[in-house]
PDB file of N, CA and C in Angstrom:
ATOM      1  N   MET A   1       1.999   2.256 -19.745  1.00  0.00           N
ATOM      2  CA  MET A   1       3.506   1.506 -19.856  1.00  0.00           C
ATOM      3  C   MET A   1       3.952   1.929 -21.265  1.00  0.00           C
ATOM      4  N   SER A   2       5.307   2.167 -21.146  1.00  0.00           N
ATOM      5  CA  SER A   2       5.926   2.787 -22.364  1.00  0.00           C
ATOM      6  C   SER A   2       6.419   1.477 -23.304  1.00  0.00           C
ATOM      7  N   ASP A   3       6.688   1.690 -24.451  1.00  0.00           N
ATOM      8  CA  ASP A   3       7.173   0.576 -25.322  1.00  0.00           C
ATOM      9  C   ASP A   3       8.543  -0.016 -24.880  1.00  0.00           C
ATOM     10  N   GLU A   4       9.444   0.861 -24.247  1.00  0.00           N
ATOM     11  CA  GLU A   4      10.686   0.426 -23.853  1.00  0.00           C
ATOM     12  C   GLU A   4      10.620   0.442 -22.298  1.00  0.00           C
ATOM     13  N   SER A   5      10.743  -0.888 -21.763  1.00  0.00           N
ATOM     14  CA  SER A   5      10.664  -0.954 -20.348  1.00  0.00           C
ATOM     15  C   SER A   5      12.021  -0.674 -19.803  1.00  0.00           C
ATOM     16  N   PRO A   6      12.217   0.127 -18.579  1.00  0.00           N
ATOM     17  CA  PRO A   6      13.475   0.411 -18.037  1.00  0.00           C
ATOM     18  C   PRO A   6      14.387  -0.671 -17.931  1.00  0.00           C
ATOM     19  N   ARG A   7      15.682  -0.664 -18.079  1.00  0.00           N
ATOM     20  CA  ARG A   7      16.557  -1.822 -17.876  1.00  0.00           C
ATOM     21  C   ARG A   7      16.953  -2.148 -16.518  1.00  0.00           C
ATOM     22  N   ASP A   8      16.894  -1.042 -15.578  1.00  0.00           N
ATOM     23  CA  ASP A   8      17.263  -1.323 -14.279  1.00  0.00           C
ATOM     24  C   ASP A   8      15.884  -1.864 -13.624  1.00  0.00           C
ATOM     25  N   LEU A   9      16.104  -3.023 -12.826  1.00  0.00           N
ATOM     26  CA  LEU A   9      14.806  -3.547 -12.348  1.00  0.00           C
ATOM     27  C   LEU A   9      14.284  -2.940 -11.299  1.00  0.00           C
ATOM     28  N   CYS A  10      14.941  -2.258 -10.498  1.00  0.00           N
ATOM     29  CA  CYS A  10      14.282  -1.462  -9.629  1.00  0.00           C
ATOM     30  C   CYS A  10      13.504  -0.286 -10.003  1.00  0.00           C
ATOM     31  N   GLU A  11      13.807   0.452 -11.067  1.00  0.00           N
ATOM     32  CA  GLU A  11      13.225   1.464 -11.856  1.00  0.00           C
ATOM     33  C   GLU A  11      11.978   0.723 -12.546  1.00  0.00           C
ATOM     34  N   ARG A  12      12.170  -0.431 -13.087  1.00  0.00           N
ATOM     35  CA  ARG A  12      11.042  -1.086 -13.829  1.00  0.00           C
ATOM     36  C   ARG A  12      10.023  -1.515 -12.832  1.00  0.00           C
ATOM     37  N   THR A  13      10.226  -1.895 -11.649  1.00  0.00           N
ATOM     38  CA  THR A  13       9.224  -2.274 -10.803  1.00  0.00           C
ATOM     39  C   THR A  13       8.520  -1.262 -10.104  1.00  0.00           C
ATOM     40  N   PHE A  14       9.199   0.008 -10.249  1.00  0.00           N
ATOM     41  CA  PHE A  14       8.546   1.241  -9.695  1.00  0.00           C
ATOM     42  C   PHE A  14       7.618   1.664 -10.732  1.00  0.00           C
ATOM     43  N   GLU A  15       8.022   1.594 -12.080  1.00  0.00           N
ATOM     44  CA  GLU A  15       7.083   2.092 -13.146  1.00  0.00           C
ATOM     45  C   GLU A  15       5.949   1.277 -13.300  1.00  0.00           C
ATOM     46  N   PHE A  16       6.084  -0.143 -12.901  1.00  0.00           N
ATOM     47  CA  PHE A  16       5.030  -1.115 -12.924  1.00  0.00           C
ATOM     48  C   PHE A  16       4.146  -0.611 -11.894  1.00  0.00           C
ATOM     49  N   ALA A  17       4.470  -0.221 -10.610  1.00  0.00           N
ATOM     50  CA  ALA A  17       3.653  -0.035  -9.506  1.00  0.00           C
ATOM     51  C   ALA A  17       2.816   1.369  -9.852  1.00  0.00           C
ATOM     52  N   LYS A  18       3.694   2.412 -10.456  1.00  0.00           N
ATOM     53  CA  LYS A  18       2.891   3.568 -10.914  1.00  0.00           C
ATOM     54  C   LYS A  18       1.741   3.343 -11.859  1.00  0.00           C
ATOM     55  N   ALA A  19       2.378   2.500 -12.782  1.00  0.00           N
ATOM     56  CA  ALA A  19       1.371   2.240 -13.871  1.00  0.00           C
ATOM     57  C   ALA A  19      -0.120   1.526 -13.365  1.00  0.00           C
ATOM     58  N   VAL A  20       0.126   0.758 -12.402  1.00  0.00           N
ATOM     59  CA  VAL A  20      -1.101  -0.028 -11.732  1.00  0.00           C
ATOM     60  C   VAL A  20      -1.892   1.283 -11.146  1.00  0.00           C
ATOM     61  N   ARG A  21      -1.296   2.069 -10.369  1.00  0.00           N
ATOM     62  CA  ARG A  21      -1.868   3.178  -9.778  1.00  0.00           C
ATOM     63  C   ARG A  21      -2.775   4.016 -10.656  1.00  0.00           C
ATOM     64  N   GLN A  22      -2.214   4.301 -11.781  1.00  0.00           N
ATOM     65  CA  GLN A  22      -2.807   5.048 -12.786  1.00  0.00           C
ATOM     66  C   GLN A  22      -3.997   4.237 -13.480  1.00  0.00           C
ATOM     67  N   PHE A  23      -3.846   3.127 -13.629  1.00  0.00           N
ATOM     68  CA  PHE A  23      -4.694   2.230 -14.206  1.00  0.00           C
ATOM     69  C   PHE A  23      -6.057   2.153 -13.253  1.00  0.00           C
ATOM     70  N   VAL A  24      -5.948   1.836 -11.961  1.00  0.00           N
ATOM     71  CA  VAL A  24      -7.003   1.722 -11.036  1.00  0.00           C
ATOM     72  C   VAL A  24      -7.803   3.020 -11.008  1.00  0.00           C
ATOM     73  N   ARG A  25      -7.338   4.132 -11.113  1.00  0.00           N
ATOM     74  CA  ARG A  25      -7.949   5.363 -10.939  1.00  0.00           C
ATOM     75  C   ARG A  25      -9.253   5.458 -11.947  1.00  0.00           C
ATOM     76  N   ASN A  26      -9.174   4.706 -13.055  1.00  0.00           N
ATOM     77  CA  ASN A  26     -10.152   4.812 -14.084  1.00  0.00           C
ATOM     78  C   ASN A  26     -11.230   3.674 -14.055  1.00  0.00           C
ATOM     79  N   LEU A  27     -11.037   2.581 -13.105  1.00  0.00           N
ATOM     80  CA  LEU A  27     -11.884   1.625 -12.954  1.00  0.00           C
ATOM     81  C   LEU A  27     -13.297   1.917 -12.450  1.00  0.00           C
ATOM     82  N   PRO A  28     -14.325   1.143 -12.800  1.00  0.00           N
ATOM     83  CA  PRO A  28     -15.664   1.294 -12.378  1.00  0.00           C
ATOM     84  C   PRO A  28     -15.620   1.030 -10.848  1.00  0.00           C
ATOM     85  N   ARG A  29     -16.336   1.944 -10.100  1.00  0.00           N
ATOM     86  CA  ARG A  29     -16.433   1.660  -8.642  1.00  0.00           C
ATOM     87  C   ARG A  29     -17.477   0.871  -8.249  1.00  0.00           C
ATOM     88  N   THR A  30     -17.052  -0.472  -8.252  1.00  0.00           N
ATOM     89  CA  THR A  30     -17.982  -1.395  -7.559  1.00  0.00           C
ATOM     90  C   THR A  30     -17.373  -1.991  -6.477  1.00  0.00           C
ATOM     91  N   ILE A  31     -18.224  -2.633  -5.664  1.00  0.00           N
ATOM     92  CA  ILE A  31     -17.624  -3.355  -4.413  1.00  0.00           C
ATOM     93  C   ILE A  31     -16.537  -4.195  -4.556  1.00  0.00           C
ATOM     94  N   SER A  32     -16.604  -5.068  -5.481  1.00  0.00           N
ATOM     95  CA  SER A  32     -15.608  -6.073  -5.799  1.00  0.00           C
ATOM     96  C   SER A  32     -14.352  -5.285  -6.234  1.00  0.00           C
ATOM     97  N   ASN A  33     -14.471  -4.299  -6.997  1.00  0.00           N
ATOM     98  CA  ASN A  33     -13.399  -3.576  -7.580  1.00  0.00           C
ATOM     99  C   ASN A  33     -12.589  -2.800  -6.469  1.00  0.00           C
ATOM    100  N   ILE A  34     -13.344  -2.276  -5.568  1.00  0.00           N
ATOM    101  CA  ILE A  34     -12.797  -1.457  -4.418  1.00  0.00           C
ATOM    102  C   ILE A  34     -11.837  -2.288  -3.703  1.00  0.00           C
ATOM    103  N   GLU A  35     -12.419  -3.500  -3.167  1.00  0.00           N
ATOM    104  CA  GLU A  35     -11.486  -4.449  -2.462  1.00  0.00           C
ATOM    105  C   GLU A  35     -10.385  -5.005  -3.067  1.00  0.00           C
ATOM    106  N   ASP A  36     -10.468  -5.360  -4.622  1.00  0.00           N
ATOM    107  CA  ASP A  36      -9.495  -6.032  -5.278  1.00  0.00           C
ATOM    108  C   ASP A  36      -8.465  -5.013  -5.734  1.00  0.00           C
ATOM    109  N   VAL A  37      -8.733  -3.625  -5.739  1.00  0.00           N
ATOM    110  CA  VAL A  37      -7.763  -2.713  -6.051  1.00  0.00           C
ATOM    111  C   VAL A  37      -6.855  -2.384  -4.823  1.00  0.00           C
ATOM    112  N   LYS A  38      -7.389  -2.461  -3.715  1.00  0.00           N
ATOM    113  CA  LYS A  38      -6.766  -2.456  -2.478  1.00  0.00           C
ATOM    114  C   LYS A  38      -5.448  -3.446  -2.622  1.00  0.00           C
ATOM    115  N   GLN A  39      -5.907  -4.712  -2.897  1.00  0.00           N
ATOM    116  CA  GLN A  39      -4.956  -5.834  -2.776  1.00  0.00           C
ATOM    117  C   GLN A  39      -4.038  -5.634  -3.926  1.00  0.00           C
ATOM    118  N   LEU A  40      -4.333  -5.133  -5.173  1.00  0.00           N
ATOM    119  CA  LEU A  40      -3.598  -5.031  -6.328  1.00  0.00           C
ATOM    120  C   LEU A  40      -2.503  -3.922  -5.987  1.00  0.00           C
ATOM    121  N   VAL A  41      -2.949  -2.760  -5.456  1.00  0.00           N
ATOM    122  CA  VAL A  41      -2.058  -1.756  -5.148  1.00  0.00           C
ATOM    123  C   VAL A  41      -1.087  -1.965  -4.131  1.00  0.00           C
ATOM    124  N   ARG A  42      -1.417  -2.942  -2.982  1.00  0.00           N
ATOM    125  CA  ARG A  42      -0.475  -3.429  -2.062  1.00  0.00           C
ATOM    126  C   ARG A  42       0.583  -4.393  -3.032  1.00  0.00           C
ATOM    127  N   SER A  43       0.034  -5.321  -3.747  1.00  0.00           N
ATOM    128  CA  SER A  43       0.940  -6.422  -4.150  1.00  0.00           C
ATOM    129  C   SER A  43       1.879  -5.651  -5.149  1.00  0.00           C
ATOM    130  N   SER A  44       1.490  -4.814  -6.057  1.00  0.00           N
ATOM    131  CA  SER A  44       2.247  -4.200  -7.185  1.00  0.00           C
ATOM    132  C   SER A  44       3.454  -3.465  -6.583  1.00  0.00           C
ATOM    133  N   GLY A  45       3.119  -2.693  -5.558  1.00  0.00           N
ATOM    134  CA  GLY A  45       4.174  -2.037  -4.781  1.00  0.00           C
ATOM    135  C   GLY A  45       5.213  -2.833  -4.136  1.00  0.00           C
ATOM    136  N   SER A  46       4.557  -4.007  -3.631  1.00  0.00           N
ATOM    137  CA  SER A  46       5.535  -4.923  -2.933  1.00  0.00           C
ATOM    138  C   SER A  46       6.615  -5.628  -3.832  1.00  0.00           C
ATOM    139  N   VAL A  47       6.262  -5.653  -5.076  1.00  0.00           N
ATOM    140  CA  VAL A  47       7.207  -6.157  -5.973  1.00  0.00           C
ATOM    141  C   VAL A  47       8.522  -5.532  -5.940  1.00  0.00           C
ATOM    142  N   GLY A  48       8.495  -4.287  -6.202  1.00  0.00           N
ATOM    143  CA  GLY A  48       9.584  -3.464  -6.159  1.00  0.00           C
ATOM    144  C   GLY A  48      10.273  -3.298  -4.788  1.00  0.00           C
ATOM    145  N   ALA A  49       9.263  -3.059  -3.681  1.00  0.00           N
ATOM    146  CA  ALA A  49       9.952  -2.841  -2.416  1.00  0.00           C
ATOM    147  C   ALA A  49      10.757  -4.123  -1.807  1.00  0.00           C
ATOM    148  N   ASN A  50      10.344  -5.343  -2.215  1.00  0.00           N
ATOM    149  CA  ASN A  50      11.083  -6.445  -1.870  1.00  0.00           C
ATOM    150  C   ASN A  50      12.323  -6.769  -2.760  1.00  0.00           C
ATOM    151  N   TYR A  51      12.290  -6.287  -3.928  1.00  0.00           N
ATOM    152  CA  TYR A  51      13.472  -6.188  -4.861  1.00  0.00           C
ATOM    153  C   TYR A  51      14.523  -5.206  -4.341  1.00  0.00           C
ATOM    154  N   ILE A  52      14.002  -4.137  -3.903  1.00  0.00           N
ATOM    155  CA  ILE A  52      14.938  -3.082  -3.128  1.00  0.00           C
ATOM    156  C   ILE A  52      15.666  -3.788  -1.982  1.00  0.00           C
ATOM    157  N   GLU A  53      14.623  -4.391  -1.162  1.00  0.00           N
ATOM    158  CA  GLU A  53      15.315  -5.103  -0.115  1.00  0.00           C
ATOM    159  C   GLU A  53      16.208  -6.155  -0.284  1.00  0.00           C
ATOM    160  N   ALA A  54      16.087  -6.816  -1.369  1.00  0.00           N
ATOM    161  CA  ALA A  54      17.179  -7.887  -1.869  1.00  0.00           C
ATOM    162  C   ALA A  54      18.489  -7.263  -2.170  1.00  0.00           C
ATOM    163  N   GLN A  55      18.234  -5.974  -2.608  1.00  0.00           N
ATOM    164  CA  GLN A  55      19.644  -5.358  -2.789  1.00  0.00           C
ATOM    165  C   GLN A  55      20.482  -5.082  -1.655  1.00  0.00           C
ATOM    166  N   GLU A  56      19.995  -4.980  -0.546  1.00  0.00           N
ATOM    167  CA  GLU A  56      20.626  -4.683   0.638  1.00  0.00           C
ATOM    168  C   GLU A  56      20.632  -5.878   1.446  1.00  0.00           C
ATOM    169  N   ALA A  57      20.519  -7.146   0.849  1.00  0.00           N
ATOM    170  CA  ALA A  57      20.434  -8.426   1.692  1.00  0.00           C
ATOM    171  C   ALA A  57      21.828  -8.669   2.437  1.00  0.00           C
ATOM    172  N   LEU A  58      21.661  -9.361   3.497  1.00  0.00           N
ATOM    173  CA  LEU A  58      22.884  -9.560   4.295  1.00  0.00           C
ATOM    174  C   LEU A  58      23.527 -10.882   4.117  1.00  0.00           C
ATOM    175  N   SER A  59      23.011 -11.746   3.221  1.00  0.00           N
ATOM    176  CA  SER A  59      23.539 -12.963   2.800  1.00  0.00           C
ATOM    177  C   SER A  59      22.956 -13.396   1.370  1.00  0.00           C
ATOM    178  N   ARG A  60      23.560 -14.285   0.671  1.00  0.00           N
ATOM    179  CA  ARG A  60      22.836 -14.713  -0.560  1.00  0.00           C
ATOM    180  C   ARG A  60      21.540 -15.345  -0.260  1.00  0.00           C
ATOM    181  N   LYS A  61      21.583 -16.113   0.759  1.00  0.00           N
ATOM    182  CA  LYS A  61      20.222 -16.764   1.332  1.00  0.00           C
ATOM    183  C   LYS A  61      19.148 -15.620   1.470  1.00  0.00           C
ATOM    184  N   ASP A  62      19.526 -14.532   2.002  1.00  0.00           N
ATOM    185  CA  ASP A  62      18.605 -13.503   2.402  1.00  0.00           C
ATOM    186  C   ASP A  62      18.249 -13.034   0.974  1.00  0.00           C
ATOM    187  N   PHE A  63      18.961 -12.443   0.130  1.00  0.00           N
ATOM    188  CA  PHE A  63      18.783 -12.123  -1.217  1.00  0.00           C
ATOM    189  C   PHE A  63      17.871 -13.120  -1.965  1.00  0.00           C
ATOM    190  N   LYS A  64      18.060 -14.367  -1.859  1.00  0.00           N
ATOM    191  CA  LYS A  64      17.181 -15.241  -2.607  1.00  0.00           C
ATOM    192  C   LYS A  64      15.810 -15.172  -2.041  1.00  0.00           C
ATOM    193  N   TYR A  65      15.606 -15.301  -0.705  1.00  0.00           N
ATOM    194  CA  TYR A  65      14.453 -15.117  -0.137  1.00  0.00           C
ATOM    195  C   TYR A  65      13.628 -13.770  -0.407  1.00  0.00           C
ATOM    196  N   ARG A  66      14.157 -12.528  -0.535  1.00  0.00           N
ATOM    197  CA  ARG A  66      13.724 -11.364  -1.023  1.00  0.00           C
ATOM    198  C   ARG A  66      13.196 -11.327  -2.477  1.00  0.00           C
ATOM    199  N   VAL A  67      14.124 -11.926  -3.234  1.00  0.00           N
ATOM    200  CA  VAL A  67      13.684 -12.121  -4.675  1.00  0.00           C
ATOM    201  C   VAL A  67      12.393 -13.115  -4.864  1.00  0.00           C
ATOM    202  N   CYS A  68      12.381 -14.021  -3.981  1.00  0.00           N
ATOM    203  CA  CYS A  68      11.234 -15.141  -3.956  1.00  0.00           C
ATOM    204  C   CYS A  68      10.033 -14.395  -3.731  1.00  0.00           C
ATOM    205  N   VAL A  69      10.180 -13.511  -2.639  1.00  0.00           N
ATOM    206  CA  VAL A  69       8.866 -12.800  -2.104  1.00  0.00           C
ATOM    207  C   VAL A  69       8.624 -11.600  -3.209  1.00  0.00           C
ATOM    208  N   ALA A  70       9.348 -11.070  -3.887  1.00  0.00           N
ATOM    209  CA  ALA A  70       9.054 -10.175  -4.818  1.00  0.00           C
ATOM    210  C   ALA A  70       8.342 -10.926  -6.073  1.00  0.00           C
ATOM    211  N   ARG A  71       8.818 -12.062  -6.470  1.00  0.00           N
ATOM    212  CA  ARG A  71       8.039 -12.943  -7.491  1.00  0.00           C
ATOM    213  C   ARG A  71       6.816 -13.103  -6.971  1.00  0.00           C
ATOM    214  N   LYS A  72       6.490 -13.491  -5.678  1.00  0.00           N
ATOM    215  CA  LYS A  72       5.262 -14.207  -5.311  1.00  0.00           C
ATOM    216  C   LYS A  72       4.269 -12.774  -5.385  1.00  0.00           C
ATOM    217  N   GLU A  73       4.864 -11.696  -5.006  1.00  0.00           N
ATOM    218  CA  GLU A  73       4.052 -10.482  -5.118  1.00  0.00           C
ATOM    219  C   GLU A  73       3.637 -10.138  -6.417  1.00  0.00           C
ATOM    220  N   ALA A  74       4.511 -10.356  -7.233  1.00  0.00           N
ATOM    221  CA  ALA A  74       4.098 -10.196  -8.954  1.00  0.00           C
ATOM    222  C   ALA A  74       3.128 -11.223  -9.389  1.00  0.00           C
ATOM    223  N   ARG A  75       3.314 -12.339  -8.978  1.00  0.00           N
ATOM    224  CA  ARG A  75       2.212 -13.545  -9.348  1.00  0.00           C
ATOM    225  C   ARG A  75       0.678 -13.103  -8.734  1.00  0.00           C
ATOM    226  N   GLU A  76       0.929 -12.514  -7.468  1.00  0.00           N
ATOM    227  CA  GLU A  76      -0.475 -12.116  -6.748  1.00  0.00           C
ATOM    228  C   GLU A  76      -0.988 -11.009  -7.597  1.00  0.00           C
ATOM    229  N   SER A  77      -0.040 -10.038  -8.148  1.00  0.00           N
ATOM    230  CA  SER A  77      -0.632  -8.772  -8.860  1.00  0.00           C
ATOM    231  C   SER A  77      -1.302  -9.253 -10.111  1.00  0.00           C
ATOM    232  N   VAL A  78      -0.874 -10.347 -10.658  1.00  0.00           N
ATOM    233  CA  VAL A  78      -1.603 -11.021 -11.868  1.00  0.00           C
ATOM    234  C   VAL A  78      -2.821 -11.394 -11.675  1.00  0.00           C
ATOM    235  N   TYR A  79      -3.002 -12.190 -10.334  1.00  0.00           N
ATOM    236  CA  TYR A  79      -4.331 -12.590  -9.951  1.00  0.00           C
ATOM    237  C   TYR A  79      -5.362 -11.528  -9.852  1.00  0.00           C
ATOM    238  N   TRP A  80      -4.910 -10.451  -9.127  1.00  0.00           N
ATOM    239  CA  TRP A  80      -5.853  -9.349  -8.815  1.00  0.00           C
ATOM    240  C   TRP A  80      -6.258  -8.591 -10.075  1.00  0.00           C
ATOM    241  N   LEU A  81      -5.225  -8.342 -11.014  1.00  0.00           N
ATOM    242  CA  LEU A  81      -5.432  -7.698 -12.377  1.00  0.00           C
ATOM    243  C   LEU A  81      -6.497  -8.537 -13.255  1.00  0.00           C
ATOM    244  N   ARG A  82      -6.412  -9.990 -13.029  1.00  0.00           N
ATOM    245  CA  ARG A  82      -7.465 -10.607 -13.907  1.00  0.00           C
ATOM    246  C   ARG A  82      -8.824 -10.496 -13.300  1.00  0.00           C
ATOM    247  N   LEU A  83      -8.913 -10.351 -11.839  1.00  0.00           N
ATOM    248  CA  LEU A  83     -10.112 -10.226 -11.340  1.00  0.00           C
ATOM    249  C   LEU A  83     -10.990  -8.874 -11.609  1.00  0.00           C
ATOM    250  N   LEU A  84     -10.157  -7.891 -11.869  1.00  0.00           N
ATOM    251  CA  LEU A  84     -10.925  -6.451 -11.921  1.00  0.00           C
ATOM    252  C   LEU A  84     -11.706  -6.460 -13.018  1.00  0.00           C
ATOM    253  N   ASN A  85     -12.764  -5.644 -12.851  1.00  0.00           N
ATOM    254  CA  ASN A  85     -13.917  -5.593 -13.660  1.00  0.00           C
ATOM    255  C   ASN A  85     -13.568  -4.239 -14.423  1.00  0.00           C
ATOM    256  N   THR A  86     -13.145  -4.141 -15.818  1.00  0.00           N
ATOM    257  CA  THR A  86     -13.081  -2.973 -16.599  1.00  0.00           C
ATOM    258  C   THR A  86     -14.299  -2.410 -17.277  1.00  0.00           C
ATOM    259  N   GLY A  87     -15.384  -2.948 -16.821  1.00  0.00           N
ATOM    260  CA  GLY A  87     -16.513  -2.373 -17.466  1.00  0.00           C
ATOM    261  C   GLY A  87     -16.629  -2.484 -19.140  1.00  0.00           C
ATOM    262  N   THR A  88     -16.953  -1.725 -19.714  1.00  0.00           N
ATOM    263  CA  THR A  88     -17.260  -1.583 -21.018  1.00  0.00           C
ATOM    264  C   THR A  88     -16.264  -0.790 -21.913  1.00  0.00           C
ATOM    265  N   LYS A  89     -15.082  -0.213 -21.333  1.00  0.00           N
ATOM    266  CA  LYS A  89     -14.121   0.740 -21.578  1.00  0.00           C
ATOM    267  C   LYS A  89     -12.992  -0.142 -22.256  1.00  0.00           C
ATOM    268  N   PRO A  90     -12.862  -0.335 -23.557  1.00  0.00           N
ATOM    269  CA  PRO A  90     -11.715  -1.140 -24.435  1.00  0.00           C
ATOM    270  C   PRO A  90     -10.408  -0.695 -23.934  1.00  0.00           C
ATOM    271  N   GLU A  91     -10.291   0.748 -23.643  1.00  0.00           N
ATOM    272  CA  GLU A  91      -8.842   1.156 -23.444  1.00  0.00           C
ATOM    273  C   GLU A  91      -8.524   0.558 -21.989  1.00  0.00           C
ATOM    274  N   LEU A  92      -9.367   0.567 -21.038  1.00  0.00           N
ATOM    275  CA  LEU A  92      -8.956   0.024 -19.831  1.00  0.00           C
ATOM    276  C   LEU A  92      -8.580  -1.590 -19.974  1.00  0.00           C
ATOM    277  N   GLU A  93      -9.111  -2.279 -20.694  1.00  0.00           N
ATOM    278  CA  GLU A  93      -8.828  -3.678 -21.086  1.00  0.00           C
ATOM    279  C   GLU A  93      -7.699  -3.710 -21.741  1.00  0.00           C
ATOM    280  N   ALA A  94      -7.303  -2.734 -22.574  1.00  0.00           N
ATOM    281  CA  ALA A  94      -5.804  -2.759 -23.117  1.00  0.00           C
ATOM    282  C   ALA A  94      -4.953  -2.252 -22.061  1.00  0.00           C
ATOM    283  N   GLN A  95      -5.225  -1.632 -21.271  1.00  0.00           N
ATOM    284  CA  GLN A  95      -4.276  -1.203 -20.208  1.00  0.00           C
ATOM    285  C   GLN A  95      -3.976  -2.329 -19.268  1.00  0.00           C
ATOM    286  N   ARG A  96      -5.045  -3.189 -19.059  1.00  0.00           N
ATOM    287  CA  ARG A  96      -4.922  -4.325 -18.094  1.00  0.00           C
ATOM    288  C   ARG A  96      -3.948  -5.389 -18.826  1.00  0.00           C
ATOM    289  N   GLN A  97      -4.261  -5.587 -20.271  1.00  0.00           N
ATOM    290  CA  GLN A  97      -3.463  -6.622 -20.899  1.00  0.00           C
ATOM    291  C   GLN A  97      -1.868  -6.139 -20.955  1.00  0.00           C
ATOM    292  N   ASP A  98      -1.676  -4.828 -21.024  1.00  0.00           N
ATOM    293  CA  ASP A  98      -0.401  -4.377 -20.943  1.00  0.00           C
ATOM    294  C   ASP A  98       0.257  -4.596 -19.364  1.00  0.00           C
ATOM    295  N   LEU A  99      -0.474  -4.297 -18.511  1.00  0.00           N
ATOM    296  CA  LEU A  99       0.116  -4.601 -17.163  1.00  0.00           C
ATOM    297  C   LEU A  99       0.296  -6.175 -16.851  1.00  0.00           C
ATOM    298  N   LEU A 100      -0.491  -6.963 -17.472  1.00  0.00           N
ATOM    299  CA  LEU A 100      -0.384  -8.408 -17.227  1.00  0.00           C
ATOM    300  C   LEU A 100       0.754  -8.823 -17.824  1.00  0.00           C
ATOM    301  N   THR A 101       1.041  -8.282 -19.280  1.00  0.00           N
ATOM    302  CA  THR A 101       2.302  -8.720 -19.971  1.00  0.00           C
ATOM    303  C   THR A 101       3.409  -8.293 -19.131  1.00  0.00           C
ATOM    304  N   GLU A 102       3.641  -7.083 -18.711  1.00  0.00           N
ATOM    305  CA  GLU A 102       4.730  -6.582 -18.025  1.00  0.00           C
ATOM    306  C   GLU A 102       4.867  -7.202 -16.498  1.00  0.00           C
ATOM    307  N   CYS A 103       3.786  -7.653 -15.852  1.00  0.00           N
ATOM    308  CA  CYS A 103       3.846  -8.479 -14.856  1.00  0.00           C
ATOM    309  C   CYS A 103       4.457  -9.795 -14.962  1.00  0.00           C
ATOM    310  N   GLY A 104       3.881 -10.431 -16.199  1.00  0.00           N
ATOM    311  CA  GLY A 104       4.524 -11.743 -16.477  1.00  0.00           C
ATOM    312  C   GLY A 104       6.059 -11.678 -16.852  1.00  0.00           C
ATOM    313  N   GLU A 105       6.428 -10.511 -17.470  1.00  0.00           N
ATOM    314  CA  GLU A 105       7.987 -10.429 -17.708  1.00  0.00           C
ATOM    315  C   GLU A 105       8.651 -10.401 -16.462  1.00  0.00           C
ATOM    316  N   LEU A 106       8.174  -9.505 -15.348  1.00  0.00           N
ATOM    317  CA  LEU A 106       8.823  -9.386 -14.182  1.00  0.00           C
ATOM    318  C   LEU A 106       8.905 -10.755 -13.447  1.00  0.00           C
ATOM    319  N   VAL A 107       7.644 -11.538 -13.586  1.00  0.00           N
ATOM    320  CA  VAL A 107       7.781 -12.818 -12.937  1.00  0.00           C
ATOM    321  C   VAL A 107       9.076 -13.612 -13.590  1.00  0.00           C
ATOM    322  N   ARG A 108       9.077 -13.769 -14.960  1.00  0.00           N
ATOM    323  CA  ARG A 108      10.284 -14.306 -15.519  1.00  0.00           C
ATOM    324  C   ARG A 108      11.609 -13.896 -15.129  1.00  0.00           C
ATOM    325  N   ILE A 109      11.815 -12.524 -15.054  1.00  0.00           N
ATOM    326  CA  ILE A 109      13.117 -11.991 -14.732  1.00  0.00           C
ATOM    327  C   ILE A 109      13.345 -12.416 -13.352  1.00  0.00           C
ATOM    328  N   LEU A 110      12.548 -12.407 -12.485  1.00  0.00           N
ATOM    329  CA  LEU A 110      12.671 -12.640 -10.939  1.00  0.00           C
ATOM    330  C   LEU A 110      13.018 -14.271 -10.943  1.00  0.00           C
ATOM    331  N   SER A 111      12.268 -14.939 -11.620  1.00  0.00           N
ATOM    332  CA  SER A 111      12.603 -16.449 -11.729  1.00  0.00           C
ATOM    333  C   SER A 111      13.829 -16.798 -12.183  1.00  0.00           C
ATOM    334  N   ALA A 112      14.342 -15.903 -13.107  1.00  0.00           N
ATOM    335  CA  ALA A 112      15.728 -16.159 -13.638  1.00  0.00           C
ATOM    336  C   ALA A 112      16.812 -15.862 -12.695  1.00  0.00           C
ATOM    337  N   ILE A 113      16.587 -14.761 -11.997  1.00  0.00           N
ATOM    338  CA  ILE A 113      17.355 -14.432 -10.907  1.00  0.00           C
ATOM    339  C   ILE A 113      17.415 -15.335  -9.747  1.00  0.00           C
ATOM    340  N   ILE A 114      16.375 -15.883  -9.353  1.00  0.00           N
ATOM    341  CA  ILE A 114      16.371 -17.046  -8.435  1.00  0.00           C
ATOM    342  C   ILE A 114      17.141 -18.321  -8.822  1.00  0.00           C
ATOM    343  N   ASN A 115      17.020 -18.651 -10.133  1.00  0.00           N
ATOM    344  CA  ASN A 115      17.599 -19.890 -10.661  1.00  0.00           C
ATOM    345  C   ASN A 115      19.104 -19.585 -10.669  1.00  0.00           C
ATOM    346  N   ARG A 116      19.394 -18.486 -10.682  1.00  0.00           N
ATOM    347  CA  ARG A 116      20.996 -18.239 -10.866  1.00  0.00           C
ATOM    348  C   ARG A 116      21.614 -18.047  -9.564  1.00  0.00           C
ATOM    349  N   THR A 117      20.637 -17.739  -8.443  1.00  0.00           N
ATOM    350  CA  THR A 117      21.236 -17.652  -7.170  1.00  0.00           C
ATOM    351  C   THR A 117      21.477 -19.079  -6.397  1.00  0.00           C
ATOM    352  N   ASP A 118      22.628 -19.313  -5.871  1.00  0.00           N
ATOM    353  CA  ASP A 118      22.753 -20.569  -5.120  1.00  0.00           C
ATOM    354  C   ASP A 118      22.544 -20.339  -3.729  1.00  0.00           C
TER     355      ASP A 118
END
């Protein structure tokens, strides 16, 4: 992840999903990591996909629902990130912490959008 996150939320969620994919390439290949990585890849991509769907919402209610789903997927990504085994590589642990920070920020941004939508 770069020091400056993109301001456009569609782009920012895309960059998050890309960073997750880059991160998981270097993880130890254990049975649990293989299964957890599948879940993480799905949820991290769903954050942006659902936010993009929200941009095409048919109503305010639909918009709010799609943003809620995006937030749910971001929270799920936090869960899977926490479960992954990074082995003995400190650089992987640092990457995980960066991803957790970014994901936490996405959750807060999406929550603020939800709170402002009536």
